Structure formats: structure tokens, C-alpha cells
Amino acid sequence: MRKPYRLVPIVCAALALGVISLLWPTLFRTGLAAIEDQFLYLPSRTLVATPAQRGLGYEEVWLTASDGVRLHGWFVPGPRDLVWLWLHGNGGNISHRVENIAFIQRRLGASVFIFDYRGYGLSEGRPSEDGLYRDADAALAYLRIRPDLDARRVVLFGRSLGTAVAVDLAARERVLGLILESPLTSIPGLARALYPFLPLEPLLRTRYDALAKIGRVAAPLLVIHSRDDEVIPYQQGQALFAAAREPKRLYTLTGARHNDTYLRGGDGYWQALDGFLASLQSR
């Protein structure tokens, strides 16, 4: 007679395998989503600088997204009659853009409103595609209710991942202009460009599909991209530009990397920005 104690681990193992087989699709999707987020969002919670360290006056701003998440940002006033609403990339936080803000103030004179998405810097919550769209909505709504600003004079500036957020916002809301620097067409499109031999697209839940939305943007557009961008291929910017409506401009850089366009772009970079902003002044 076989000893009955062997039945317990066998039954437990069978039950465990059954549960795993039932839950495997959910477990797989959950694990893949977590890995995807870790690669896509690289936030830092610690602020390492403020505009004051560059000699700039600024205001601390707190605002609330439509789902109740509290967001933190800075408003840096400038003499030019427009506001530069900055939608930053996927890494760090607003304090890592202080040097760039100082350049904008010195070279362009625009007022700058920069804020951290949920999960970045002092902002609450965790980043997600829907969440970042909500955060951008809240930032634009904040500027529109400030009594010292003209709500019609807001220019969206997106960099890297922020370009997809900026396109989504400009496709739904009226803005004075849209600037996309180092833009991507979409997350699946970028995955195809970087890893053409890997079937990643069906596994990705995050879209950020700027290419599908850019045709709905009515605002004048400036695309800036470097041929030597090591993160987002230049062809992504070309494709986005080709799909956009007029009026539009494309300024191509050489020698600049993904994160140093404002440093390596030289006078031509700043002249392209200044000329675009000047073209908006009469609108």
C-alpha cells in the first residue's frame, strides 16, 4: 500500500500549477507593465537646484489635476508677451532644467512655466500615460486663470517624451504655438525603430501616439531635432513633421545629442526659436 503522505505535495503542486496557468496571462501582463514603466519613467524626487541659483525670480506653484493629484511647478516671469509651457522629458525633475531655463530667459525673454508630472520631484502620485495627459491639462488650466497672463499667449514646448504630451494637449486645446524638440512618433514606433528584430509592439500597453494626433493640431508648429540624437532617431522627428498641418517649420541640428541641444545647437538653434516666437507675436 502506498503511503498517503505523498498525495499532499502532489495535490498542492497540481493546484499550484492550475492556479498559475489561470493567472499566468494576468501575472505576465502585470510584470511586463512594471518593467515597461521602469524603462519609460525615470523620475527623481530630490530637487537639486532652483531658478534663484541662476539669478532668476520665480514663484512656487501648486496645482491639482482632475483626479486630485497635487502637482508642483515654478513660474519664471519674463519680459516677452507669451508664456512657455514646458512639458519635460522622462527623466529627473524640473530642477535638472534650471540651466536651460536660464538660457531661455537670456536668449528669448519668455515667461516659463515648468512643472513636474505626477511621481516626479515634489508632485504626488505615480506616472502613467493618462496621468501625464491630466497633468498637462491642469498646467494649461492654471495658466488660463492667472489674472496677470493673457490666456491666448501660451506656447507649448515639449522635449523627448514631453513632445507626445504636448501634441496630445495641442490636439485638444487652442494654443498660440507648439514646439517639439527631439520628438518621438509613439512608444511602439520608437520600439520598432530601435529594436526592429524584436516583436515588442504587441506587448506594449503605453502608446503616447503623437503621430496619430499631430494632424489635429491647428497651432503653428516648430520641430527641432538633431541628426545625431542617440536616443530618439532623427527620422522620428521627420515623420512627425511630415504628418503635421501647415504652418510648420523643421530645424535640423547636427552634432547635438539628445539632452544638450540648447548647448550644442549654437546661435542657429536660438535663432530658430526666436524667429518662431516672433512669427507668433502678430497672431
C-alpha atoms as a PDB file:
ATOM      1  CA  MET A   1       0.000   0.000   0.000  1.00  0.00           C
ATOM      2  CA  ARG A   2       1.332   3.375  -0.985  1.00  0.00           C
ATOM      3  CA  LYS A   3       1.921   5.839   1.752  1.00  0.00           C
ATOM      4  CA  PRO A   4      -0.693   8.626   1.686  1.00  0.00           C
ATOM      5  CA  TYR A   5       1.696  11.431   2.638  1.00  0.00           C
ATOM      6  CA  ARG A   6       2.919  11.600  -0.958  1.00  0.00           C
ATOM      7  CA  LEU A   7      -0.532  12.756  -2.035  1.00  0.00           C
ATOM      8  CA  VAL A   8      -0.313  16.106  -0.220  1.00  0.00           C
ATOM      9  CA  PRO A   9       2.642  17.616  -2.146  1.00  0.00           C
ATOM     10  CA  ILE A  10       1.318  16.165  -5.398  1.00  0.00           C
ATOM     11  CA  VAL A  11      -2.101  17.731  -4.900  1.00  0.00           C
ATOM     12  CA  CYS A  12      -0.568  21.018  -3.771  1.00  0.00           C
ATOM     13  CA  ALA A  13       1.705  21.092  -6.789  1.00  0.00           C
ATOM     14  CA  ALA A  14      -1.188  20.330  -9.105  1.00  0.00           C
ATOM     15  CA  LEU A  15      -3.294  23.047  -7.530  1.00  0.00           C
ATOM     16  CA  ALA A  16      -0.407  25.495  -7.739  1.00  0.00           C
ATOM     17  CA  LEU A  17       0.144  24.709 -11.409  1.00  0.00           C
ATOM     18  CA  GLY A  18      -3.549  25.113 -12.060  1.00  0.00           C
ATOM     19  CA  VAL A  19      -3.664  28.489 -10.353  1.00  0.00           C
ATOM     20  CA  ILE A  20      -0.521  29.642 -12.178  1.00  0.00           C
ATOM     21  CA  SER A  21      -1.934  28.532 -15.533  1.00  0.00           C
ATOM     22  CA  LEU A  22      -5.108  30.512 -14.864  1.00  0.00           C
ATOM     23  CA  LEU A  23      -3.311  33.588 -13.595  1.00  0.00           C
ATOM     24  CA  TRP A  24      -0.324  33.492 -15.938  1.00  0.00           C
ATOM     25  CA  PRO A  25      -1.693  35.953 -18.523  1.00  0.00           C
ATOM     26  CA  THR A  26      -2.514  38.464 -15.778  1.00  0.00           C
ATOM     27  CA  LEU A  27       0.790  37.905 -13.968  1.00  0.00           C
ATOM     28  CA  PHE A  28       2.684  38.252 -17.237  1.00  0.00           C
ATOM     29  CA  ARG A  29       0.905  41.465 -18.194  1.00  0.00           C
ATOM     30  CA  THR A  30       1.394  42.907 -14.709  1.00  0.00           C
ATOM     31  CA  GLY A  31       5.085  42.078 -14.680  1.00  0.00           C
ATOM     32  CA  LEU A  32       5.597  43.412 -18.188  1.00  0.00           C
ATOM     33  CA  ALA A  33       3.769  46.636 -17.300  1.00  0.00           C
ATOM     34  CA  ALA A  34       6.035  47.139 -14.288  1.00  0.00           C
ATOM     35  CA  ILE A  35       9.157  46.596 -16.416  1.00  0.00           C
ATOM     36  CA  GLU A  36       7.794  48.931 -19.090  1.00  0.00           C
ATOM     37  CA  ASP A  37       7.220  51.687 -16.536  1.00  0.00           C
ATOM     38  CA  GLN A  38      10.726  51.262 -15.116  1.00  0.00           C
ATOM     39  CA  PHE A  39      12.236  51.849 -18.546  1.00  0.00           C
ATOM     40  CA  LEU A  40       9.839  54.601 -19.567  1.00  0.00           C
ATOM     41  CA  TYR A  41       9.731  56.775 -16.442  1.00  0.00           C
ATOM     42  CA  LEU A  42      12.949  57.758 -14.690  1.00  0.00           C
ATOM     43  CA  PRO A  43      11.838  60.282 -12.074  1.00  0.00           C
ATOM     44  CA  SER A  44      13.931  61.856  -9.347  1.00  0.00           C
ATOM     45  CA  ARG A  45      12.269  63.087  -6.182  1.00  0.00           C
ATOM     46  CA  THR A  46      15.061  65.365  -4.943  1.00  0.00           C
ATOM     47  CA  LEU A  47      15.254  68.951  -6.198  1.00  0.00           C
ATOM     48  CA  VAL A  48      18.925  69.815  -6.713  1.00  0.00           C
ATOM     49  CA  ALA A  49      18.558  73.492  -7.699  1.00  0.00           C
ATOM     50  CA  THR A  50      16.105  76.364  -8.100  1.00  0.00           C
ATOM     51  CA  PRO A  51      15.921  79.250 -10.581  1.00  0.00           C
ATOM     52  CA  ALA A  52      17.179  81.550  -7.834  1.00  0.00           C
ATOM     53  CA  GLN A  53      20.600  79.895  -8.094  1.00  0.00           C
ATOM     54  CA  ARG A  54      20.750  81.242 -11.645  1.00  0.00           C
ATOM     55  CA  GLY A  55      19.678  84.690 -10.522  1.00  0.00           C
ATOM     56  CA  LEU A  56      16.085  84.257 -11.709  1.00  0.00           C
ATOM     57  CA  GLY A  57      12.993  85.379  -9.864  1.00  0.00           C
ATOM     58  CA  TYR A  58      10.300  82.708  -9.677  1.00  0.00           C
ATOM     59  CA  GLU A  59       7.110  81.616  -7.957  1.00  0.00           C
ATOM     60  CA  GLU A  60       6.413  78.240  -6.390  1.00  0.00           C
ATOM     61  CA  VAL A  61       3.209  76.875  -7.887  1.00  0.00           C
ATOM     62  CA  TRP A  62       0.929  74.105  -6.655  1.00  0.00           C
ATOM     63  CA  LEU A  63      -1.935  72.853  -8.798  1.00  0.00           C
ATOM     64  CA  THR A  64      -4.281  69.873  -8.798  1.00  0.00           C
ATOM     65  CA  ALA A  65      -5.015  67.514 -11.673  1.00  0.00           C
ATOM     66  CA  SER A  66      -8.560  66.423 -12.448  1.00  0.00           C
ATOM     67  CA  ASP A  67      -8.133  63.170 -10.482  1.00  0.00           C
ATOM     68  CA  GLY A  68      -6.956  65.001  -7.364  1.00  0.00           C
ATOM     69  CA  VAL A  69      -3.182  64.526  -7.737  1.00  0.00           C
ATOM     70  CA  ARG A  70      -1.269  67.553  -6.459  1.00  0.00           C
ATOM     71  CA  LEU A  71       1.500  68.861  -8.725  1.00  0.00           C
ATOM     72  CA  HIS A  72       4.438  71.196  -8.144  1.00  0.00           C
ATOM     73  CA  GLY A  73       5.986  73.695 -10.524  1.00  0.00           C
ATOM     74  CA  TRP A  74       7.724  77.039 -10.998  1.00  0.00           C
ATOM     75  CA  PHE A  75       6.610  80.143 -12.815  1.00  0.00           C
ATOM     76  CA  VAL A  76       9.555  82.251 -14.018  1.00  0.00           C
ATOM     77  CA  PRO A  77       8.401  85.629 -15.378  1.00  0.00           C
ATOM     78  CA  GLY A  78       9.971  87.197 -18.453  1.00  0.00           C
ATOM     79  CA  PRO A  79       9.517  90.373 -20.491  1.00  0.00           C
ATOM     80  CA  ARG A  80       8.175  88.764 -23.666  1.00  0.00           C
ATOM     81  CA  ASP A  81       4.414  88.738 -24.194  1.00  0.00           C
ATOM     82  CA  LEU A  82       3.945  84.976 -24.124  1.00  0.00           C
ATOM     83  CA  VAL A  83       4.269  82.015 -21.764  1.00  0.00           C
ATOM     84  CA  TRP A  84       6.419  78.981 -22.494  1.00  0.00           C
ATOM     85  CA  LEU A  85       4.607  75.942 -21.011  1.00  0.00           C
ATOM     86  CA  TRP A  86       7.292  73.326 -20.603  1.00  0.00           C
ATOM     87  CA  LEU A  87       6.467  69.602 -20.797  1.00  0.00           C
ATOM     88  CA  HIS A  88       9.724  67.905 -19.903  1.00  0.00           C
ATOM     89  CA  GLY A  89      11.161  64.507 -20.734  1.00  0.00           C
ATOM     90  CA  ASN A  90      11.012  61.236 -18.848  1.00  0.00           C
ATOM     91  CA  GLY A  91      14.000  61.698 -16.530  1.00  0.00           C
ATOM     92  CA  GLY A  92      14.885  63.744 -13.449  1.00  0.00           C
ATOM     93  CA  ASN A  93      12.646  66.631 -12.445  1.00  0.00           C
ATOM     94  CA  ILE A  94      12.268  70.373 -13.015  1.00  0.00           C
ATOM     95  CA  SER A  95      15.410  71.195 -11.060  1.00  0.00           C
ATOM     96  CA  HIS A  96      17.513  69.479 -13.735  1.00  0.00           C
ATOM     97  CA  ARG A  97      16.226  72.072 -16.239  1.00  0.00           C
ATOM     98  CA  VAL A  98      17.331  75.174 -14.335  1.00  0.00           C
ATOM     99  CA  GLU A  99      20.312  75.875 -16.597  1.00  0.00           C
ATOM    100  CA  ASN A 100      18.101  75.525 -19.672  1.00  0.00           C
ATOM    101  CA  ILE A 101      15.518  77.890 -18.140  1.00  0.00           C
ATOM    102  CA  ALA A 102      18.243  80.492 -17.637  1.00  0.00           C
ATOM    103  CA  PHE A 103      19.214  80.217 -21.311  1.00  0.00           C
ATOM    104  CA  ILE A 104      15.588  80.708 -22.375  1.00  0.00           C
ATOM    105  CA  GLN A 105      15.299  83.781 -20.200  1.00  0.00           C
ATOM    106  CA  ARG A 106      18.523  85.258 -21.534  1.00  0.00           C
ATOM    107  CA  ARG A 107      18.075  84.382 -25.213  1.00  0.00           C
ATOM    108  CA  LEU A 108      14.295  84.515 -25.672  1.00  0.00           C
ATOM    109  CA  GLY A 109      12.841  86.537 -22.791  1.00  0.00           C
ATOM    110  CA  ALA A 110       9.760  84.330 -22.472  1.00  0.00           C
ATOM    111  CA  SER A 111       7.984  83.657 -19.211  1.00  0.00           C
ATOM    112  CA  VAL A 112       8.396  79.975 -18.366  1.00  0.00           C
ATOM    113  CA  PHE A 113       6.010  77.702 -16.527  1.00  0.00           C
ATOM    114  CA  ILE A 114       7.586  74.332 -15.820  1.00  0.00           C
ATOM    115  CA  PHE A 115       6.053  71.674 -13.613  1.00  0.00           C
ATOM    116  CA  ASP A 116       6.717  68.106 -12.594  1.00  0.00           C
ATOM    117  CA  TYR A 117       4.479  65.299 -13.714  1.00  0.00           C
ATOM    118  CA  ARG A 118       2.995  63.061 -11.062  1.00  0.00           C
ATOM    119  CA  GLY A 119       5.708  60.996  -9.393  1.00  0.00           C
ATOM    120  CA  TYR A 120       8.451  63.480 -10.300  1.00  0.00           C
ATOM    121  CA  GLY A 121      10.058  65.963  -7.899  1.00  0.00           C
ATOM    122  CA  LEU A 122       7.582  67.180  -5.295  1.00  0.00           C
ATOM    123  CA  SER A 123       4.496  66.159  -7.260  1.00  0.00           C
ATOM    124  CA  GLU A 124       2.314  63.433  -5.799  1.00  0.00           C
ATOM    125  CA  GLY A 125       1.310  60.146  -7.394  1.00  0.00           C
ATOM    126  CA  ARG A 126       2.869  57.786  -9.903  1.00  0.00           C
ATOM    127  CA  PRO A 127       3.430  58.470 -13.619  1.00  0.00           C
ATOM    128  CA  SER A 128       1.221  56.940 -16.292  1.00  0.00           C
ATOM    129  CA  GLU A 129       0.173  57.929 -19.790  1.00  0.00           C
ATOM    130  CA  ASP A 130      -3.314  59.028 -18.774  1.00  0.00           C
ATOM    131  CA  GLY A 131      -1.871  60.737 -15.713  1.00  0.00           C
ATOM    132  CA  LEU A 132       0.610  62.826 -17.700  1.00  0.00           C
ATOM    133  CA  TYR A 133      -2.179  63.975 -20.017  1.00  0.00           C
ATOM    134  CA  ARG A 134      -4.189  65.044 -16.980  1.00  0.00           C
ATOM    135  CA  ASP A 135      -1.158  66.874 -15.579  1.00  0.00           C
ATOM    136  CA  ALA A 136      -0.712  68.830 -18.805  1.00  0.00           C
ATOM    137  CA  ASP A 137      -4.395  69.763 -18.769  1.00  0.00           C
ATOM    138  CA  ALA A 138      -4.027  71.074 -15.223  1.00  0.00           C
ATOM    139  CA  ALA A 139      -0.957  73.144 -16.142  1.00  0.00           C
ATOM    140  CA  LEU A 140      -2.699  74.835 -19.074  1.00  0.00           C
ATOM    141  CA  ALA A 141      -5.830  75.439 -16.993  1.00  0.00           C
ATOM    142  CA  TYR A 142      -3.676  77.077 -14.315  1.00  0.00           C
ATOM    143  CA  LEU A 143      -2.126  79.498 -16.802  1.00  0.00           C
ATOM    144  CA  ARG A 144      -5.532  80.386 -18.199  1.00  0.00           C
ATOM    145  CA  ILE A 145      -6.863  81.545 -14.835  1.00  0.00           C
ATOM    146  CA  ARG A 146      -3.863  83.669 -13.848  1.00  0.00           C
ATOM    147  CA  PRO A 147      -5.069  87.279 -13.916  1.00  0.00           C
ATOM    148  CA  ASP A 148      -1.646  88.617 -14.915  1.00  0.00           C
ATOM    149  CA  LEU A 149      -1.422  86.493 -18.087  1.00  0.00           C
ATOM    150  CA  ASP A 150      -3.129  86.516 -21.463  1.00  0.00           C
ATOM    151  CA  ALA A 151      -4.621  83.037 -21.782  1.00  0.00           C
ATOM    152  CA  ARG A 152      -4.266  83.236 -25.577  1.00  0.00           C
ATOM    153  CA  ARG A 153      -0.469  83.659 -25.416  1.00  0.00           C
ATOM    154  CA  VAL A 154       0.596  80.165 -24.333  1.00  0.00           C
ATOM    155  CA  VAL A 155       3.214  78.279 -26.375  1.00  0.00           C
ATOM    156  CA  LEU A 156       3.676  74.589 -25.646  1.00  0.00           C
ATOM    157  CA  PHE A 157       7.238  73.297 -25.513  1.00  0.00           C
ATOM    158  CA  GLY A 158       7.722  69.538 -25.343  1.00  0.00           C
ATOM    159  CA  ARG A 159      11.027  67.707 -25.128  1.00  0.00           C
ATOM    160  CA  SER A 160      11.530  63.985 -25.711  1.00  0.00           C
ATOM    161  CA  LEU A 161       8.627  62.124 -24.043  1.00  0.00           C
ATOM    162  CA  GLY A 162       7.077  65.526 -23.325  1.00  0.00           C
ATOM    163  CA  THR A 163       6.558  66.022 -27.064  1.00  0.00           C
ATOM    164  CA  ALA A 164       3.864  63.324 -27.045  1.00  0.00           C
ATOM    165  CA  VAL A 165       2.192  65.012 -24.074  1.00  0.00           C
ATOM    166  CA  ALA A 166       2.394  68.387 -25.832  1.00  0.00           C
ATOM    167  CA  VAL A 167       0.885  67.010 -29.062  1.00  0.00           C
ATOM    168  CA  ASP A 168      -1.991  65.436 -27.148  1.00  0.00           C
ATOM    169  CA  LEU A 169      -2.717  68.751 -25.421  1.00  0.00           C
ATOM    170  CA  ALA A 170      -2.401  70.855 -28.591  1.00  0.00           C
ATOM    171  CA  ALA A 171      -4.694  68.461 -30.466  1.00  0.00           C
ATOM    172  CA  ARG A 172      -7.457  69.146 -27.919  1.00  0.00           C
ATOM    173  CA  GLU A 173      -6.842  72.728 -26.804  1.00  0.00           C
ATOM    174  CA  ARG A 174      -6.217  76.010 -28.595  1.00  0.00           C
ATOM    175  CA  VAL A 175      -2.681  77.308 -28.028  1.00  0.00           C
ATOM    176  CA  LEU A 176      -0.575  80.007 -29.668  1.00  0.00           C
ATOM    177  CA  GLY A 177       2.143  77.664 -30.891  1.00  0.00           C
ATOM    178  CA  LEU A 178       3.738  74.234 -30.456  1.00  0.00           C
ATOM    179  CA  ILE A 179       7.468  73.487 -30.229  1.00  0.00           C
ATOM    180  CA  LEU A 180       8.609  69.853 -30.324  1.00  0.00           C
ATOM    181  CA  GLU A 181      12.244  69.168 -29.572  1.00  0.00           C
ATOM    182  CA  SER A 182      13.706  65.675 -30.093  1.00  0.00           C
ATOM    183  CA  PRO A 183      10.229  64.213 -30.659  1.00  0.00           C
ATOM    184  CA  LEU A 184       9.037  60.628 -30.945  1.00  0.00           C
ATOM    185  CA  THR A 185       6.189  59.365 -33.107  1.00  0.00           C
ATOM    186  CA  SER A 186       4.929  56.928 -30.467  1.00  0.00           C
ATOM    187  CA  ILE A 187       6.298  54.398 -27.997  1.00  0.00           C
ATOM    188  CA  PRO A 188       5.599  51.449 -30.334  1.00  0.00           C
ATOM    189  CA  GLY A 189       7.088  53.428 -33.226  1.00  0.00           C
ATOM    190  CA  LEU A 190      10.205  54.142 -31.223  1.00  0.00           C
ATOM    191  CA  ALA A 191      10.462  50.486 -30.193  1.00  0.00           C
ATOM    192  CA  ARG A 192      10.286  49.434 -33.873  1.00  0.00           C
ATOM    193  CA  ALA A 193      12.993  51.940 -34.785  1.00  0.00           C
ATOM    194  CA  LEU A 194      15.377  50.943 -32.000  1.00  0.00           C
ATOM    195  CA  TYR A 195      14.713  47.175 -31.922  1.00  0.00           C
ATOM    196  CA  PRO A 196      13.471  46.217 -35.415  1.00  0.00           C
ATOM    197  CA  PHE A 197      14.075  42.496 -34.871  1.00  0.00           C
ATOM    198  CA  LEU A 198      12.105  42.212 -31.618  1.00  0.00           C
ATOM    199  CA  PRO A 199       8.280  41.852 -31.657  1.00  0.00           C
ATOM    200  CA  LEU A 200       7.754  44.378 -28.874  1.00  0.00           C
ATOM    201  CA  GLU A 201       4.738  46.284 -30.193  1.00  0.00           C
ATOM    202  CA  PRO A 202       2.032  43.764 -29.215  1.00  0.00           C
ATOM    203  CA  LEU A 203       3.441  43.677 -25.674  1.00  0.00           C
ATOM    204  CA  LEU A 204       3.429  47.433 -25.065  1.00  0.00           C
ATOM    205  CA  ARG A 205       0.420  48.963 -23.356  1.00  0.00           C
ATOM    206  CA  THR A 206       1.778  52.530 -23.376  1.00  0.00           C
ATOM    207  CA  ARG A 207       1.189  54.395 -26.629  1.00  0.00           C
ATOM    208  CA  TYR A 208       1.927  58.136 -26.498  1.00  0.00           C
ATOM    209  CA  ASP A 209       0.849  58.133 -30.130  1.00  0.00           C
ATOM    210  CA  ALA A 210       1.815  61.634 -31.255  1.00  0.00           C
ATOM    211  CA  LEU A 211       1.824  60.593 -34.909  1.00  0.00           C
ATOM    212  CA  ALA A 212      -1.877  59.736 -34.781  1.00  0.00           C
ATOM    213  CA  LYS A 213      -2.727  63.094 -33.177  1.00  0.00           C
ATOM    214  CA  ILE A 214      -0.428  65.611 -34.855  1.00  0.00           C
ATOM    215  CA  GLY A 215      -2.804  66.096 -37.795  1.00  0.00           C
ATOM    216  CA  ARG A 216      -5.406  67.515 -35.398  1.00  0.00           C
ATOM    217  CA  VAL A 217      -3.081  70.281 -34.179  1.00  0.00           C
ATOM    218  CA  ALA A 218      -4.112  73.660 -35.605  1.00  0.00           C
ATOM    219  CA  ALA A 219      -1.375  75.737 -33.949  1.00  0.00           C
ATOM    220  CA  PRO A 220       1.807  76.729 -35.826  1.00  0.00           C
ATOM    221  CA  LEU A 221       4.486  74.089 -35.303  1.00  0.00           C
ATOM    222  CA  LEU A 222       8.261  74.091 -34.922  1.00  0.00           C
ATOM    223  CA  VAL A 223      10.084  70.748 -34.846  1.00  0.00           C
ATOM    224  CA  ILE A 224      13.717  70.724 -33.712  1.00  0.00           C
ATOM    225  CA  HIS A 225      15.725  67.522 -33.965  1.00  0.00           C
ATOM    226  CA  SER A 226      19.366  66.529 -34.252  1.00  0.00           C
ATOM    227  CA  ARG A 227      20.619  64.061 -36.820  1.00  0.00           C
ATOM    228  CA  ASP A 228      22.961  62.832 -34.062  1.00  0.00           C
ATOM    229  CA  ASP A 229      20.265  62.185 -31.452  1.00  0.00           C
ATOM    230  CA  GLU A 230      21.342  58.917 -29.824  1.00  0.00           C
ATOM    231  CA  VAL A 231      18.020  58.288 -28.026  1.00  0.00           C
ATOM    232  CA  ILE A 232      15.243  59.146 -30.488  1.00  0.00           C
ATOM    233  CA  PRO A 233      16.226  58.759 -34.162  1.00  0.00           C
ATOM    234  CA  TYR A 234      16.008  61.877 -36.339  1.00  0.00           C
ATOM    235  CA  GLN A 235      13.615  60.031 -38.642  1.00  0.00           C
ATOM    236  CA  GLN A 236      11.010  60.115 -35.875  1.00  0.00           C
ATOM    237  CA  GLY A 237      11.007  63.910 -35.974  1.00  0.00           C
ATOM    238  CA  GLN A 238      10.846  63.876 -39.775  1.00  0.00           C
ATOM    239  CA  ALA A 239       7.817  61.583 -39.750  1.00  0.00           C
ATOM    240  CA  LEU A 240       6.003  63.720 -37.211  1.00  0.00           C
ATOM    241  CA  PHE A 241       6.755  66.868 -39.194  1.00  0.00           C
ATOM    242  CA  ALA A 242       5.532  65.298 -42.447  1.00  0.00           C
ATOM    243  CA  ALA A 243       2.203  64.346 -40.839  1.00  0.00           C
ATOM    244  CA  ALA A 244       1.596  67.812 -39.351  1.00  0.00           C
ATOM    245  CA  ARG A 245      -0.524  70.571 -40.850  1.00  0.00           C
ATOM    246  CA  GLU A 246       0.771  73.923 -42.044  1.00  0.00           C
ATOM    247  CA  PRO A 247       2.084  76.296 -40.846  1.00  0.00           C
ATOM    248  CA  LYS A 248       5.093  74.298 -39.764  1.00  0.00           C
ATOM    249  CA  ARG A 249       8.868  74.574 -39.616  1.00  0.00           C
ATOM    250  CA  LEU A 250      11.627  71.978 -39.229  1.00  0.00           C
ATOM    251  CA  TYR A 251      15.019  72.944 -37.851  1.00  0.00           C
ATOM    252  CA  THR A 252      17.682  70.245 -38.126  1.00  0.00           C
ATOM    253  CA  LEU A 253      20.718  70.156 -35.853  1.00  0.00           C
ATOM    254  CA  THR A 254      23.984  68.303 -36.343  1.00  0.00           C
ATOM    255  CA  GLY A 255      26.414  67.410 -33.598  1.00  0.00           C
ATOM    256  CA  ALA A 256      23.920  67.816 -30.765  1.00  0.00           C
ATOM    257  CA  ARG A 257      22.932  64.860 -28.624  1.00  0.00           C
ATOM    258  CA  HIS A 258      19.536  64.136 -27.124  1.00  0.00           C
ATOM    259  CA  ASN A 259      19.976  66.185 -23.959  1.00  0.00           C
ATOM    260  CA  ASP A 260      22.296  69.018 -24.988  1.00  0.00           C
ATOM    261  CA  THR A 261      20.544  70.684 -27.930  1.00  0.00           C
ATOM    262  CA  TYR A 262      20.387  74.039 -26.155  1.00  0.00           C
ATOM    263  CA  LEU A 263      24.141  73.880 -25.512  1.00  0.00           C
ATOM    264  CA  ARG A 264      25.408  72.449 -28.805  1.00  0.00           C
ATOM    265  CA  GLY A 265      22.827  73.989 -31.096  1.00  0.00           C
ATOM    266  CA  GLY A 266      24.698  77.299 -31.207  1.00  0.00           C
ATOM    267  CA  ASP A 267      23.229  80.586 -32.374  1.00  0.00           C
ATOM    268  CA  GLY A 268      21.259  78.845 -35.123  1.00  0.00           C
ATOM    269  CA  TYR A 269      19.251  76.931 -32.539  1.00  0.00           C
ATOM    270  CA  TRP A 270      18.315  80.066 -30.620  1.00  0.00           C
ATOM    271  CA  GLN A 271      17.604  81.994 -33.810  1.00  0.00           C
ATOM    272  CA  ALA A 272      15.204  79.261 -34.924  1.00  0.00           C
ATOM    273  CA  LEU A 273      13.339  79.518 -31.631  1.00  0.00           C
ATOM    274  CA  ASP A 274      13.364  83.305 -31.578  1.00  0.00           C
ATOM    275  CA  GLY A 275      12.168  83.511 -35.179  1.00  0.00           C
ATOM    276  CA  PHE A 276       9.328  81.109 -34.482  1.00  0.00           C
ATOM    277  CA  LEU A 277       8.215  83.046 -31.397  1.00  0.00           C
ATOM    278  CA  ALA A 278       8.420  86.305 -33.361  1.00  0.00           C
ATOM    279  CA  SER A 279       6.144  84.801 -36.008  1.00  0.00           C
ATOM    280  CA  LEU A 280       3.545  84.189 -33.308  1.00  0.00           C
ATOM    281  CA  GLN A 281       3.576  87.746 -31.966  1.00  0.00           C
ATOM    282  CA  SER A 282       1.170  89.017 -34.611  1.00  0.00           C
ATOM    283  CA  ARG A 283      -1.351  86.209 -34.142  1.00  0.00           C
END
